[in-house]
Protein backbone atom coordinates (compact mmCIF):
# COMPACT_ATOMS: atom_id res chain seq x y z
CA UNK A 1 -6.84 0.98 -15.29
CA UNK A 2 -9.06 3.76 -14.04
CA UNK A 3 -10.11 3.81 -10.43
CA UNK A 4 -13.87 3.15 -10.19
CA UNK A 5 -13.76 5.13 -6.95
CA UNK A 6 -11.76 8.10 -8.15
CA UNK A 7 -12.72 9.89 -4.97
CA UNK A 8 -11.18 7.12 -2.78
CA UNK A 9 -8.22 8.50 -0.91
CA UNK A 10 -5.91 7.28 1.80
CA UNK A 11 -5.39 9.92 4.47
CA UNK A 12 -2.67 9.49 7.06
CA UNK A 13 -4.35 8.58 10.36
CA UNK A 14 -3.49 10.63 13.43
CA UNK A 15 -3.56 9.76 17.11
CA UNK A 16 -6.92 11.55 17.25
CA UNK A 17 -8.29 8.83 14.95
CA UNK A 18 -7.12 5.90 17.09
CA UNK A 19 -10.35 5.49 19.14
CA UNK A 20 -12.52 5.53 16.02
CA UNK A 21 -10.27 3.06 14.18
CA UNK A 22 -10.34 0.74 17.19
CA UNK A 23 -14.16 0.80 17.21
CA UNK A 24 -14.22 -0.07 13.49
CA UNK A 25 -12.04 -3.11 14.19
CA UNK A 26 -13.36 -4.30 17.54
CA UNK A 27 -16.89 -2.95 17.98
CA UNK A 28 -18.63 -2.81 14.59
CA UNK A 29 -21.17 -5.05 12.92
CA UNK A 30 -18.26 -6.27 10.75
CA UNK A 31 -16.13 -7.45 13.69
CA UNK A 32 -17.58 -11.01 13.86
CA UNK A 33 -16.46 -11.55 10.26
CA UNK A 34 -12.83 -10.81 11.22
CA UNK A 35 -12.22 -11.52 14.90
CA UNK A 36 -13.41 -13.34 17.97
CA UNK A 37 -15.54 -16.37 18.74
CA UNK A 38 -17.33 -18.31 17.51
CA UNK A 39 -15.72 -18.14 14.05
CA UNK A 40 -12.29 -16.86 15.13
CA UNK A 41 -11.58 -18.19 18.65
CA UNK A 42 -7.87 -18.17 17.76
CA UNK A 43 -8.01 -14.40 17.09
CA UNK A 44 -9.81 -12.74 20.00
CA UNK A 45 -11.07 -9.20 19.68
CA UNK A 46 -8.32 -6.99 21.14
CA UNK A 47 -8.84 -4.76 24.10
CA UNK A 48 -8.22 -1.08 23.55
CA UNK A 49 -4.89 -1.42 25.37
CA UNK A 50 -3.83 -4.30 23.11
CA UNK A 51 -4.83 -2.31 20.05
CA UNK A 52 -2.79 0.67 21.28
CA UNK A 53 0.21 -1.61 21.82
CA UNK A 54 -0.08 -2.87 18.23
CA UNK A 55 -0.97 0.51 16.72
CA UNK A 56 1.43 2.63 18.72
CA UNK A 57 2.41 6.22 17.98
CA UNK A 58 4.70 5.08 15.14
CA UNK A 59 1.68 4.02 13.05
CA UNK A 60 0.25 7.53 13.20
CA UNK A 61 3.31 9.32 11.80
CA UNK A 62 3.42 10.39 8.17
CA UNK A 63 6.76 8.61 7.66
CA UNK A 64 8.49 5.41 8.68
CA UNK A 65 8.15 1.65 8.36
CA UNK A 66 4.71 1.43 9.97
CA UNK A 67 1.87 3.56 8.61
CA UNK A 68 -1.89 3.64 9.16
CA UNK A 69 -4.34 5.38 6.83
CA UNK A 70 -8.02 6.18 6.80
CA UNK A 71 -9.87 4.98 3.70
CA UNK A 72 -12.00 7.93 2.60
CA UNK A 73 -14.64 7.86 -0.16
CA UNK A 74 -16.54 11.03 -1.05
CA UNK A 75 -15.41 12.62 2.24
CA UNK A 76 -16.75 9.62 4.24
CA UNK A 77 -14.34 7.51 6.27
CA UNK A 78 -15.10 3.87 5.43
CA UNK A 79 -12.18 1.94 6.92
CA UNK A 80 -8.48 1.72 7.63
CA UNK A 81 -5.43 0.24 5.94
CA UNK A 82 -1.91 -0.17 7.25
CA UNK A 83 1.45 -1.39 6.11
CA UNK A 84 4.52 -2.51 7.97
CA UNK A 85 7.89 -2.74 6.22
CA UNK A 86 10.53 -5.35 7.01
CA UNK A 87 13.33 -6.64 4.76
CA UNK A 88 11.83 -4.98 1.65
CA UNK A 89 8.53 -6.76 2.38
CA UNK A 90 5.38 -4.73 3.04
CA UNK A 91 2.76 -6.50 5.12
CA UNK A 92 -0.63 -4.89 4.60
CA UNK A 93 -3.80 -5.11 6.64
CA UNK A 94 -7.18 -3.49 6.19
CA UNK A 95 -10.68 -3.44 7.54
CA UNK A 96 -13.88 -1.78 6.45
CA UNK A 97 -15.68 0.09 9.23
CA UNK A 98 -19.10 -1.52 8.86
CA UNK A 99 -21.13 -3.87 6.69
CA UNK A 100 -22.97 -1.09 4.85
CA UNK A 101 -19.69 -0.41 3.03
CA UNK A 102 -19.09 -4.01 1.99
CA UNK A 103 -19.41 -5.19 -1.61
CA UNK A 104 -18.57 -1.77 -2.99
CA UNK A 105 -14.94 -2.44 -3.95
CA UNK A 106 -13.51 -0.10 -1.33
CA UNK A 107 -11.12 -2.70 0.10
CA UNK A 108 -9.69 -3.76 -3.25
CA UNK A 109 -9.38 -0.16 -4.40
CA UNK A 110 -7.74 0.91 -1.14
CA UNK A 111 -5.24 -1.94 -1.49
CA UNK A 112 -4.42 -0.93 -5.05
CA UNK A 113 -3.96 2.66 -3.91
CA UNK A 114 -1.62 1.64 -1.06
CA UNK A 115 0.32 -0.65 -3.39
CA UNK A 116 0.67 2.22 -5.86
CA UNK A 117 2.14 4.38 -3.10
CA UNK A 118 4.57 1.64 -2.05
CA UNK A 119 5.64 1.11 -5.66
CA UNK A 120 5.93 4.80 -6.44
CA UNK A 121 8.26 5.26 -3.48
CA UNK A 122 10.01 1.91 -4.15
CA UNK A 123 9.61 0.92 -0.51
CA UNK A 124 9.09 -2.82 -0.99
CA UNK A 125 9.79 -5.60 -3.44
CA UNK A 126 7.26 -8.04 -2.00
CA UNK A 127 3.77 -7.33 -0.66
CA UNK A 128 1.96 -9.75 1.62
CA UNK A 129 -1.34 -9.93 3.44
CA UNK A 130 -2.24 -12.78 5.81
CA UNK A 131 -5.99 -13.21 6.52
CA UNK A 132 -7.75 -16.26 7.87
CA UNK A 133 -8.84 -18.82 5.28
CA UNK A 134 -12.24 -18.60 6.98
CA UNK A 135 -12.52 -14.98 5.84
CA UNK A 136 -13.33 -15.83 2.24
CA UNK A 137 -14.61 -12.29 1.63
CA UNK A 138 -11.19 -10.85 2.46
CA UNK A 139 -9.27 -13.46 0.48
CA UNK A 140 -11.43 -12.70 -2.57
CA UNK A 141 -10.95 -8.93 -2.19
CA UNK A 142 -7.18 -9.37 -1.94
CA UNK A 143 -7.13 -11.53 -5.05
CA UNK A 144 -9.10 -8.82 -6.90
CA UNK A 145 -6.33 -6.43 -5.91
CA UNK A 146 -3.74 -8.67 -7.61
CA UNK A 147 -2.58 -10.89 -4.75
CA UNK A 148 -1.99 -14.62 -5.28
CA UNK A 149 -2.15 -17.34 -2.67
CA UNK A 150 1.41 -18.27 -1.75
CA UNK A 151 2.80 -21.34 -3.47
CA UNK A 152 6.42 -22.39 -2.82
CA UNK A 153 7.01 -23.27 -6.47
CA UNK A 154 5.98 -19.79 -7.67
CA UNK A 155 6.84 -17.39 -4.85
CA UNK A 156 10.20 -16.79 -3.23
CA UNK A 157 9.54 -14.91 0.02
CA UNK A 158 11.33 -14.70 3.38
CA UNK A 159 10.51 -17.52 5.80
CA UNK A 160 9.17 -15.09 8.43
CA UNK A 161 6.27 -14.27 6.10
CA UNK A 162 5.05 -17.84 6.50
CA UNK A 163 5.70 -18.39 10.19
CA UNK A 164 6.00 -15.25 12.35
CA UNK A 165 3.22 -13.28 14.02
CA UNK A 166 0.35 -15.01 12.25
CA UNK A 167 -2.97 -13.72 13.59
CA UNK A 168 -4.86 -16.91 12.66
CA UNK A 169 -4.20 -20.65 12.91
CA UNK A 170 -5.32 -20.98 9.28
CA UNK A 171 -3.62 -17.87 7.93
CA UNK A 172 -3.45 -17.68 4.15
CA UNK A 173 -0.37 -15.88 2.89
CA UNK A 174 -1.19 -13.87 -0.20
CA UNK A 175 1.68 -12.42 -2.22
CA UNK A 176 2.22 -9.75 -4.83
CA UNK A 177 5.55 -8.65 -6.25
CA UNK A 178 6.31 -5.00 -6.84
CA UNK A 179 6.52 -3.98 -10.46
CA UNK A 180 8.30 -0.66 -10.65
CA UNK A 181 7.76 -0.45 -14.39
CA UNK A 182 4.02 0.11 -14.07
CA UNK A 183 3.22 3.80 -14.70
C-alpha cells in the first residue's frame, strides 16, 4: 500500500522539542477533544511538570524502550507519536497539534509508519493503544491503521494491557499483532 502522505516522516524528538510538544497536548484547540473537563474529567490536562515526569529524558533518546517522535508532513510539524515497550508489547500514543490538521489522515499514516518501524526492528509482537471511548475520532483513526477493539475471544494479550495505567475510566484497548512477514 502506498503512503498517501509520502512526505510524512517521524523525526526523533529532542529535549528542545519538549515545550512545543507539551503545548500541542495541553494548550491547543485540540486539547478539549483529548483531555480535561467537561468531556474528560477523569483525565485532567497535565501540568508541565507532570508532562515532564511522563515524558522524561528517556523519551527523547534515539534508542531504548520509550521513544517520542515528531510527525512531520512537508517539513511542517503536525503532531507527536510515542511508543513504550514492555514484555514485547508496544503501547503507542499520538496527538495532532491542532484542529487544522485533523481529517487529513496524518494520525493513521503516522501510526502505520511507527508500526512499520517496530515491525522492521522486530521490537514487539503486540501493539496496543488505549484511548477513551468518548474520543470516537481517535478510535476511528486507530481502526483505519489496522487496530481492532480488544475482544477476549480473539486477542491474547497480557493482563496489564487491560488494567494498568489506564488514562481514562472508559479506556478502549485496541490491539494489532505484529506481522513480520509483511515487506
